[in-house]
């Protein structure tokens, strides 16, 4: 049997507990699964400035197995969790200079490096993210981009891989990232087994958004515009054209469009499309309804329009999305042939073939 791959997770005072324990649990369960068949599992080490207890942001204490100097030798995967604390300017990412120096020295010797949540700020300070596209918690994304202009920060995806460097959003996204690392080592089948054993909602690819359309928007300063968002959700199948929406809040179309964009950072038309795609996503995940039925239920109308909207919003097709995200309650996951068969029923009028 091969020696296990060594996963080194860094600890420091105030680290976010879930950033550490989420990925660790994924690697632990995966190791138990694969070692039973003689495959190479994982050895997990928690490393800190010195061995012993480390208090996390939640007050729960974790115990470091080794000091960083020892952990840096022979690490296969280096996992750098993050922390966010209240500073003079509000919530700020924690960037410990000593940890930055150790990461900069240790990372080149590891096969791959993964930052969880605000851990991306530590990798950035260590000079490991220059020229890369990275993910981090949506709240600290503007700060990361401002502090490190040579980094392309994308605040939306759950996780991003750039070569051997992986970065992810906050909270449970660390578990999604760890599942992707397990899939890289042992295949999708093992990763899905881990997800089931941990009762994770689903195994999400990195491109899925960190949050839903309504949650992605700040609360508006105008009550009428804020109430309109709820009305849109309740009437998603109805005519939601600019004229209808502007009339709803007693504004001219031009003024309404300007106010809406100022409040939400996107046009009313773009918001309505995103809200409808979110409804379509849930139907594809949770039901067996045909694509034309889904298109009608979310107010998009035709399968052709649904397909184009999915491409714009998610970079995939409705059929591919259903294949990836279908939940168990919706029935067995369809085979590739079944998906192709469903899509073939909806050949576009442009002559470009089925929506796959």
Protein backbone atom coordinates (compact mmCIF):
# COMPACT_ATOMS: atom_id res chain seq x y z
CA UNK A 1 0.00 0.00 0.00
CA UNK A 2 1.27 3.48 -0.90
CA UNK A 3 1.96 5.98 1.85
CA UNK A 4 -1.05 8.27 2.36
CA UNK A 5 -1.08 11.73 0.87
CA UNK A 6 -0.35 14.24 3.62
CA UNK A 7 -2.89 17.06 3.95
CA UNK A 8 -1.48 19.92 6.02
CA UNK A 9 -4.02 22.43 7.34
CA UNK A 10 -2.62 25.59 8.89
CA UNK A 11 -4.01 26.92 12.16
CA UNK A 12 -3.72 30.35 13.73
CA UNK A 13 -5.53 32.24 16.47
CA UNK A 14 -9.01 33.30 15.33
CA UNK A 15 -9.19 30.96 12.34
CA UNK A 16 -12.70 30.15 11.16
CA UNK A 17 -13.67 26.74 12.59
CA UNK A 18 -15.62 25.52 9.56
CA UNK A 19 -12.78 26.48 7.21
CA UNK A 20 -10.72 23.86 9.00
CA UNK A 21 -13.16 21.15 10.01
CA UNK A 22 -15.20 21.11 6.77
CA UNK A 23 -12.35 20.08 4.45
CA UNK A 24 -10.82 17.84 7.11
CA UNK A 25 -14.03 15.85 7.43
CA UNK A 26 -14.23 15.37 3.66
CA UNK A 27 -10.65 14.08 3.46
CA UNK A 28 -11.19 11.84 6.50
CA UNK A 29 -14.29 10.15 5.09
CA UNK A 30 -12.66 9.79 1.67
CA UNK A 31 -9.63 8.17 3.25
CA UNK A 32 -11.76 5.61 5.08
CA UNK A 33 -13.51 4.73 1.82
CA UNK A 34 -10.49 4.31 -0.43
CA UNK A 35 -8.17 2.62 2.06
CA UNK A 36 -10.60 -0.31 2.32
CA UNK A 37 -9.81 -1.11 -1.31
CA UNK A 38 -6.07 -0.64 -0.89
CA UNK A 39 -5.98 2.79 -2.56
CA UNK A 40 -3.93 5.68 -1.28
CA UNK A 41 -5.73 7.59 1.46
CA UNK A 42 -4.95 10.76 3.37
CA UNK A 43 -2.99 11.65 6.48
CA UNK A 44 -4.28 14.89 7.96
CA UNK A 45 -2.05 17.16 10.03
CA UNK A 46 -3.04 20.37 11.76
CA UNK A 47 -0.05 22.70 11.93
CA UNK A 48 0.41 25.87 13.96
CA UNK A 49 3.27 28.04 15.14
CA UNK A 50 3.75 25.47 17.87
CA UNK A 51 1.92 22.21 18.78
CA UNK A 52 -1.03 22.49 21.11
CA UNK A 53 -4.41 24.17 21.36
CA UNK A 54 -5.47 27.03 19.09
CA UNK A 55 -8.62 29.04 19.77
CA UNK A 56 -10.81 29.53 16.71
CA UNK A 57 -13.08 32.49 15.94
CA UNK A 58 -16.04 30.64 17.48
CA UNK A 59 -14.15 30.02 20.72
CA UNK A 60 -13.80 26.28 20.11
CA UNK A 61 -10.23 25.09 20.49
CA UNK A 62 -8.43 22.87 17.98
CA UNK A 63 -5.22 21.01 18.70
CA UNK A 64 -2.26 21.39 16.35
CA UNK A 65 -0.38 18.11 15.81
CA UNK A 66 2.91 19.67 14.74
CA UNK A 67 4.64 23.00 14.37
CA UNK A 68 4.82 24.59 10.95
CA UNK A 69 8.51 23.87 10.48
CA UNK A 70 7.89 20.13 10.74
CA UNK A 71 4.64 20.21 8.74
CA UNK A 72 6.28 21.95 5.80
CA UNK A 73 8.34 18.89 4.95
CA UNK A 74 6.61 16.41 2.64
CA UNK A 75 3.17 18.03 2.41
CA UNK A 76 1.14 16.83 -0.55
CA UNK A 77 -1.66 19.38 -0.19
CA UNK A 78 -1.40 22.61 1.75
CA UNK A 79 -4.77 23.94 2.97
CA UNK A 80 -4.85 27.54 4.18
CA UNK A 81 -8.11 28.48 5.96
CA UNK A 82 -9.07 32.07 6.61
CA UNK A 83 -10.45 34.41 9.21
CA UNK A 84 -12.42 37.65 9.17
CA UNK A 85 -12.45 40.00 12.15
CA UNK A 86 -13.77 43.44 13.04
CA UNK A 87 -11.15 46.11 12.41
CA UNK A 88 -11.17 49.89 12.36
CA UNK A 89 -12.84 49.87 8.95
CA UNK A 90 -15.31 47.07 9.72
CA UNK A 91 -14.88 43.42 8.83
CA UNK A 92 -11.37 42.68 7.54
CA UNK A 93 -9.49 39.52 6.52
CA UNK A 94 -6.83 38.31 8.95
CA UNK A 95 -3.35 38.19 7.40
CA UNK A 96 -0.68 37.04 9.84
CA UNK A 97 2.82 38.02 8.58
CA UNK A 98 4.55 34.99 10.12
CA UNK A 99 2.04 32.65 8.48
CA UNK A 100 2.44 34.46 5.14
CA UNK A 101 6.21 33.91 5.28
CA UNK A 102 5.77 30.22 6.08
CA UNK A 103 3.23 29.72 3.29
CA UNK A 104 5.53 31.46 0.78
CA UNK A 105 8.37 29.14 1.77
CA UNK A 106 6.31 25.94 1.99
CA UNK A 107 3.90 26.22 -0.94
CA UNK A 108 6.48 25.62 -3.72
CA UNK A 109 7.22 22.18 -2.25
CA UNK A 110 3.58 21.05 -2.10
CA UNK A 111 1.84 19.33 -5.01
CA UNK A 112 -1.13 21.68 -4.67
CA UNK A 113 -2.31 24.57 -2.52
CA UNK A 114 -5.87 25.34 -1.46
CA UNK A 115 -7.15 28.50 0.20
CA UNK A 116 -10.49 28.40 2.00
CA UNK A 117 -12.54 31.60 2.20
CA UNK A 118 -10.37 34.55 3.31
CA UNK A 119 -7.33 32.27 3.22
CA UNK A 120 -6.95 33.65 -0.31
CA UNK A 121 -5.69 36.88 1.26
CA UNK A 122 -2.85 34.91 2.87
CA UNK A 123 -1.89 33.26 -0.42
CA UNK A 124 -2.07 36.64 -2.13
CA UNK A 125 0.22 38.25 0.45
CA UNK A 126 2.63 35.36 -0.12
CA UNK A 127 2.75 36.22 -3.83
CA UNK A 128 1.14 32.95 -4.93
CA UNK A 129 -1.91 34.35 -6.75
CA UNK A 130 -0.44 36.97 -9.09
CA UNK A 131 -1.81 36.58 -12.60
CA UNK A 132 -4.47 34.07 -11.52
CA UNK A 133 -8.26 34.17 -11.37
CA UNK A 134 -9.32 33.37 -7.82
CA UNK A 135 -12.39 33.02 -5.62
CA UNK A 136 -12.90 34.14 -2.05
CA UNK A 137 -15.74 35.09 0.25
CA UNK A 138 -17.97 37.61 -1.53
CA UNK A 139 -17.62 40.08 1.34
CA UNK A 140 -13.83 40.33 1.16
CA UNK A 141 -13.54 40.04 -2.64
CA UNK A 142 -13.40 43.84 -3.21
CA UNK A 143 -10.65 44.14 -0.58
CA UNK A 144 -8.63 41.34 -2.18
CA UNK A 145 -8.91 42.97 -5.59
CA UNK A 146 -7.95 46.40 -4.22
CA UNK A 147 -4.96 45.12 -2.23
CA UNK A 148 -3.66 42.92 -5.06
CA UNK A 149 -4.38 44.45 -8.48
CA UNK A 150 -2.43 41.70 -10.28
CA UNK A 151 -5.05 39.16 -9.21
CA UNK A 152 -8.32 38.63 -11.10
CA UNK A 153 -10.88 38.23 -8.30
CA UNK A 154 -14.19 36.59 -9.19
CA UNK A 155 -16.61 36.94 -6.23
CA UNK A 156 -19.26 34.60 -7.62
CA UNK A 157 -18.01 30.98 -8.04
CA UNK A 158 -17.89 28.46 -5.21
CA UNK A 159 -14.32 27.53 -6.09
CA UNK A 160 -11.77 28.07 -8.84
CA UNK A 161 -8.81 25.97 -9.91
CA UNK A 162 -5.79 27.56 -11.58
CA UNK A 163 -3.21 24.85 -12.14
CA UNK A 164 -2.16 23.58 -8.73
CA UNK A 165 -3.75 26.51 -6.89
CA UNK A 166 -7.34 26.21 -5.66
CA UNK A 167 -9.37 28.98 -4.01
CA UNK A 168 -12.95 28.99 -2.77
CA UNK A 169 -15.72 31.00 -1.16
CA UNK A 170 -16.61 30.92 2.52
CA UNK A 171 -18.48 28.53 4.78
CA UNK A 172 -19.46 25.20 3.27
CA UNK A 173 -17.63 25.99 0.01
CA UNK A 174 -14.51 24.59 1.66
CA UNK A 175 -16.18 21.19 1.65
CA UNK A 176 -17.06 21.57 -2.04
CA UNK A 177 -13.44 22.37 -2.77
CA UNK A 178 -12.24 19.36 -0.76
CA UNK A 179 -14.68 17.13 -2.66
CA UNK A 180 -13.19 18.40 -5.91
CA UNK A 181 -9.69 17.54 -4.65
CA UNK A 182 -10.90 14.06 -3.72
CA UNK A 183 -12.42 13.71 -7.19
CA UNK A 184 -9.10 14.70 -8.73
CA UNK A 185 -7.31 12.00 -6.71
CA UNK A 186 -9.89 9.20 -6.76
CA UNK A 187 -12.58 10.06 -9.32
CA UNK A 188 -16.13 11.39 -9.19
CA UNK A 189 -17.60 8.14 -7.88
CA UNK A 190 -15.63 8.33 -4.62
CA UNK A 191 -16.37 12.05 -4.26
CA UNK A 192 -20.09 11.39 -4.63
CA UNK A 193 -19.91 8.60 -2.05
CA UNK A 194 -18.30 11.05 0.36
CA UNK A 195 -20.99 13.63 -0.34
CA UNK A 196 -23.73 11.08 0.39
CA UNK A 197 -22.10 9.89 3.62
CA UNK A 198 -21.78 13.48 4.82
CA UNK A 199 -25.38 14.18 3.77
CA UNK A 200 -24.27 17.11 1.69
CA UNK A 201 -27.07 18.57 -0.40
CA UNK A 202 -25.24 17.86 -3.64
CA UNK A 203 -21.79 17.79 -5.17
CA UNK A 204 -21.49 21.23 -6.74
CA UNK A 205 -19.03 22.16 -9.47
CA UNK A 206 -17.02 25.29 -8.86
CA UNK A 207 -18.92 27.48 -11.29
CA UNK A 208 -22.14 27.47 -9.29
CA UNK A 209 -22.95 30.82 -7.72
CA UNK A 210 -22.18 31.53 -4.06
CA UNK A 211 -25.68 32.78 -3.42
CA UNK A 212 -29.14 33.09 -4.87
CA UNK A 213 -30.31 36.06 -6.93
CA UNK A 214 -32.31 37.80 -4.15
CA UNK A 215 -29.50 37.37 -1.60
CA UNK A 216 -26.91 38.75 -4.00
CA UNK A 217 -28.48 42.19 -3.90
CA UNK A 218 -28.17 44.82 -1.21
CA UNK A 219 -31.31 46.08 0.41
CA UNK A 220 -32.62 48.97 -1.66
CA UNK A 221 -33.14 52.45 -0.31
CA UNK A 222 -36.47 52.86 -2.10
CA UNK A 223 -39.34 50.88 -0.59
CA UNK A 224 -41.26 50.60 -3.86
CA UNK A 225 -38.31 49.11 -5.71
CA UNK A 226 -37.65 46.71 -2.83
CA UNK A 227 -41.27 45.55 -2.80
CA UNK A 228 -41.06 45.03 -6.55
CA UNK A 229 -38.45 42.33 -6.07
CA UNK A 230 -40.90 40.31 -3.97
CA UNK A 231 -43.65 40.90 -6.49
CA UNK A 232 -41.42 39.64 -9.31
CA UNK A 233 -40.74 36.41 -7.40
CA UNK A 234 -44.45 35.89 -6.77
CA UNK A 235 -45.37 36.55 -10.41
CA UNK A 236 -42.45 34.98 -12.22
CA UNK A 237 -44.64 33.49 -14.99
CA UNK A 238 -46.35 36.77 -15.80
CA UNK A 239 -45.41 39.55 -18.19
CA UNK A 240 -42.41 41.20 -16.52
CA UNK A 241 -41.50 43.60 -19.29
CA UNK A 242 -40.01 47.00 -18.55
CA UNK A 243 -43.35 48.69 -19.18
CA UNK A 244 -45.14 46.46 -16.67
CA UNK A 245 -42.48 46.83 -13.99
CA UNK A 246 -42.22 50.61 -14.40
CA UNK A 247 -45.98 50.97 -14.23
CA UNK A 248 -46.01 48.86 -11.07
CA UNK A 249 -43.93 51.47 -9.23
CA UNK A 250 -45.48 54.48 -10.99
CA UNK A 251 -42.30 55.57 -12.76
CA UNK A 252 -41.44 56.21 -16.38
CA UNK A 253 -39.57 53.38 -18.08
CA UNK A 254 -36.43 55.48 -18.42
CA UNK A 255 -36.43 56.70 -14.82
CA UNK A 256 -37.32 53.25 -13.48
CA UNK A 257 -34.45 51.63 -15.39
CA UNK A 258 -32.01 54.21 -14.06
CA UNK A 259 -33.20 53.85 -10.45
CA UNK A 260 -33.24 50.06 -10.57
CA UNK A 261 -29.72 49.88 -11.96
CA UNK A 262 -28.46 52.33 -9.34
CA UNK A 263 -30.02 50.25 -6.54
CA UNK A 264 -29.10 46.77 -7.78
CA UNK A 265 -26.16 47.20 -10.10
CA UNK A 266 -27.95 45.52 -13.01
CA UNK A 267 -30.80 46.29 -15.39
CA UNK A 268 -34.37 45.21 -14.61
CA UNK A 269 -34.28 42.87 -17.60
CA UNK A 270 -31.09 41.19 -16.39
CA UNK A 271 -32.54 40.80 -12.90
CA UNK A 272 -35.76 39.21 -14.18
CA UNK A 273 -33.81 36.77 -16.33
CA UNK A 274 -31.58 35.79 -13.39
CA UNK A 275 -34.63 35.30 -11.14
CA UNK A 276 -36.31 33.12 -13.76
CA UNK A 277 -33.17 31.04 -14.24
CA UNK A 278 -33.09 30.45 -10.49
CA UNK A 279 -36.64 29.06 -10.62
CA UNK A 280 -35.65 26.90 -13.59
CA UNK A 281 -32.62 25.59 -11.71
CA UNK A 282 -34.77 24.42 -8.81
CA UNK A 283 -37.21 22.69 -11.16
CA UNK A 284 -34.38 20.93 -12.97
CA UNK A 285 -32.82 19.86 -9.67
CA UNK A 286 -35.98 18.68 -7.95
CA UNK A 287 -38.44 17.52 -10.61
CA UNK A 288 -38.71 15.44 -13.78
CA UNK A 289 -40.61 18.13 -15.67
CA UNK A 290 -39.77 18.39 -19.37
CA UNK A 291 -37.74 21.34 -20.58
CA UNK A 292 -40.68 23.02 -22.31
CA UNK A 293 -42.69 22.76 -19.07
CA UNK A 294 -39.77 24.21 -17.09
CA UNK A 295 -39.45 27.08 -19.56
CA UNK A 296 -43.14 27.88 -19.18
CA UNK A 297 -43.13 27.54 -15.38
CA UNK A 298 -40.34 30.06 -14.93
CA UNK A 299 -41.82 32.52 -17.41
CA UNK A 300 -39.08 32.20 -20.02
CA UNK A 301 -41.47 30.70 -22.55
CA UNK A 302 -39.56 28.56 -25.03
CA UNK A 303 -36.83 25.97 -24.66
CA UNK A 304 -34.69 27.90 -27.13
CA UNK A 305 -34.87 31.01 -24.95
CA UNK A 306 -34.24 28.92 -21.83
CA UNK A 307 -31.13 27.46 -23.44
CA UNK A 308 -29.73 30.86 -24.38
CA UNK A 309 -30.42 32.24 -20.89
CA UNK A 310 -28.67 29.28 -19.23
CA UNK A 311 -25.65 29.84 -21.44
CA UNK A 312 -25.51 33.51 -20.46
CA UNK A 313 -26.13 33.01 -16.75
CA UNK A 314 -24.43 29.69 -15.95
CA UNK A 315 -22.26 28.80 -18.92
CA UNK A 316 -24.03 25.47 -19.40
CA UNK A 317 -27.25 24.03 -20.84
CA UNK A 318 -30.44 23.02 -19.00
CA UNK A 319 -29.79 19.35 -19.85
CA UNK A 320 -26.20 19.47 -18.56
CA UNK A 321 -27.35 21.30 -15.43
CA UNK A 322 -29.98 18.64 -14.69
CA UNK A 323 -27.40 15.89 -15.14
CA UNK A 324 -25.03 17.51 -12.63
CA UNK A 325 -27.44 18.75 -10.00
CA UNK A 326 -30.39 16.38 -10.09
CA UNK A 327 -31.34 15.42 -6.54
CA UNK A 328 -32.21 11.91 -5.44
CA UNK A 329 -35.84 12.89 -4.79
CA UNK A 330 -36.27 13.74 -8.46
CA UNK A 331 -35.55 10.19 -9.49
CA UNK A 332 -32.49 8.40 -10.84
CA UNK A 333 -29.84 10.47 -12.58
CA UNK A 334 -30.38 10.17 -16.34
CA UNK A 335 -27.73 8.63 -18.54
CA UNK A 336 -25.92 10.68 -21.17
CA UNK A 337 -28.04 8.99 -23.83
CA UNK A 338 -31.24 9.98 -22.02
CA UNK A 339 -30.08 13.58 -21.71
CA UNK A 340 -29.16 13.68 -25.37
CA UNK A 341 -32.56 12.21 -26.20
CA UNK A 342 -34.37 14.85 -24.19
CA UNK A 343 -32.33 17.65 -25.74
CA UNK A 344 -32.82 16.24 -29.23
CA UNK A 345 -36.55 16.88 -28.88
CA UNK A 346 -35.77 20.59 -28.77
CA UNK A 347 -33.58 21.21 -31.79
CA UNK A 348 -33.18 24.94 -32.34
CA UNK A 349 -34.53 26.68 -35.39
CA UNK A 350 -31.11 28.09 -36.16
CA UNK A 351 -29.89 24.73 -37.44
CA UNK A 352 -27.11 24.44 -34.83
CA UNK A 353 -28.39 21.13 -33.51
CA UNK A 354 -29.67 20.00 -30.10
CA UNK A 355 -29.09 22.01 -26.99
CA UNK A 356 -26.15 20.14 -25.52
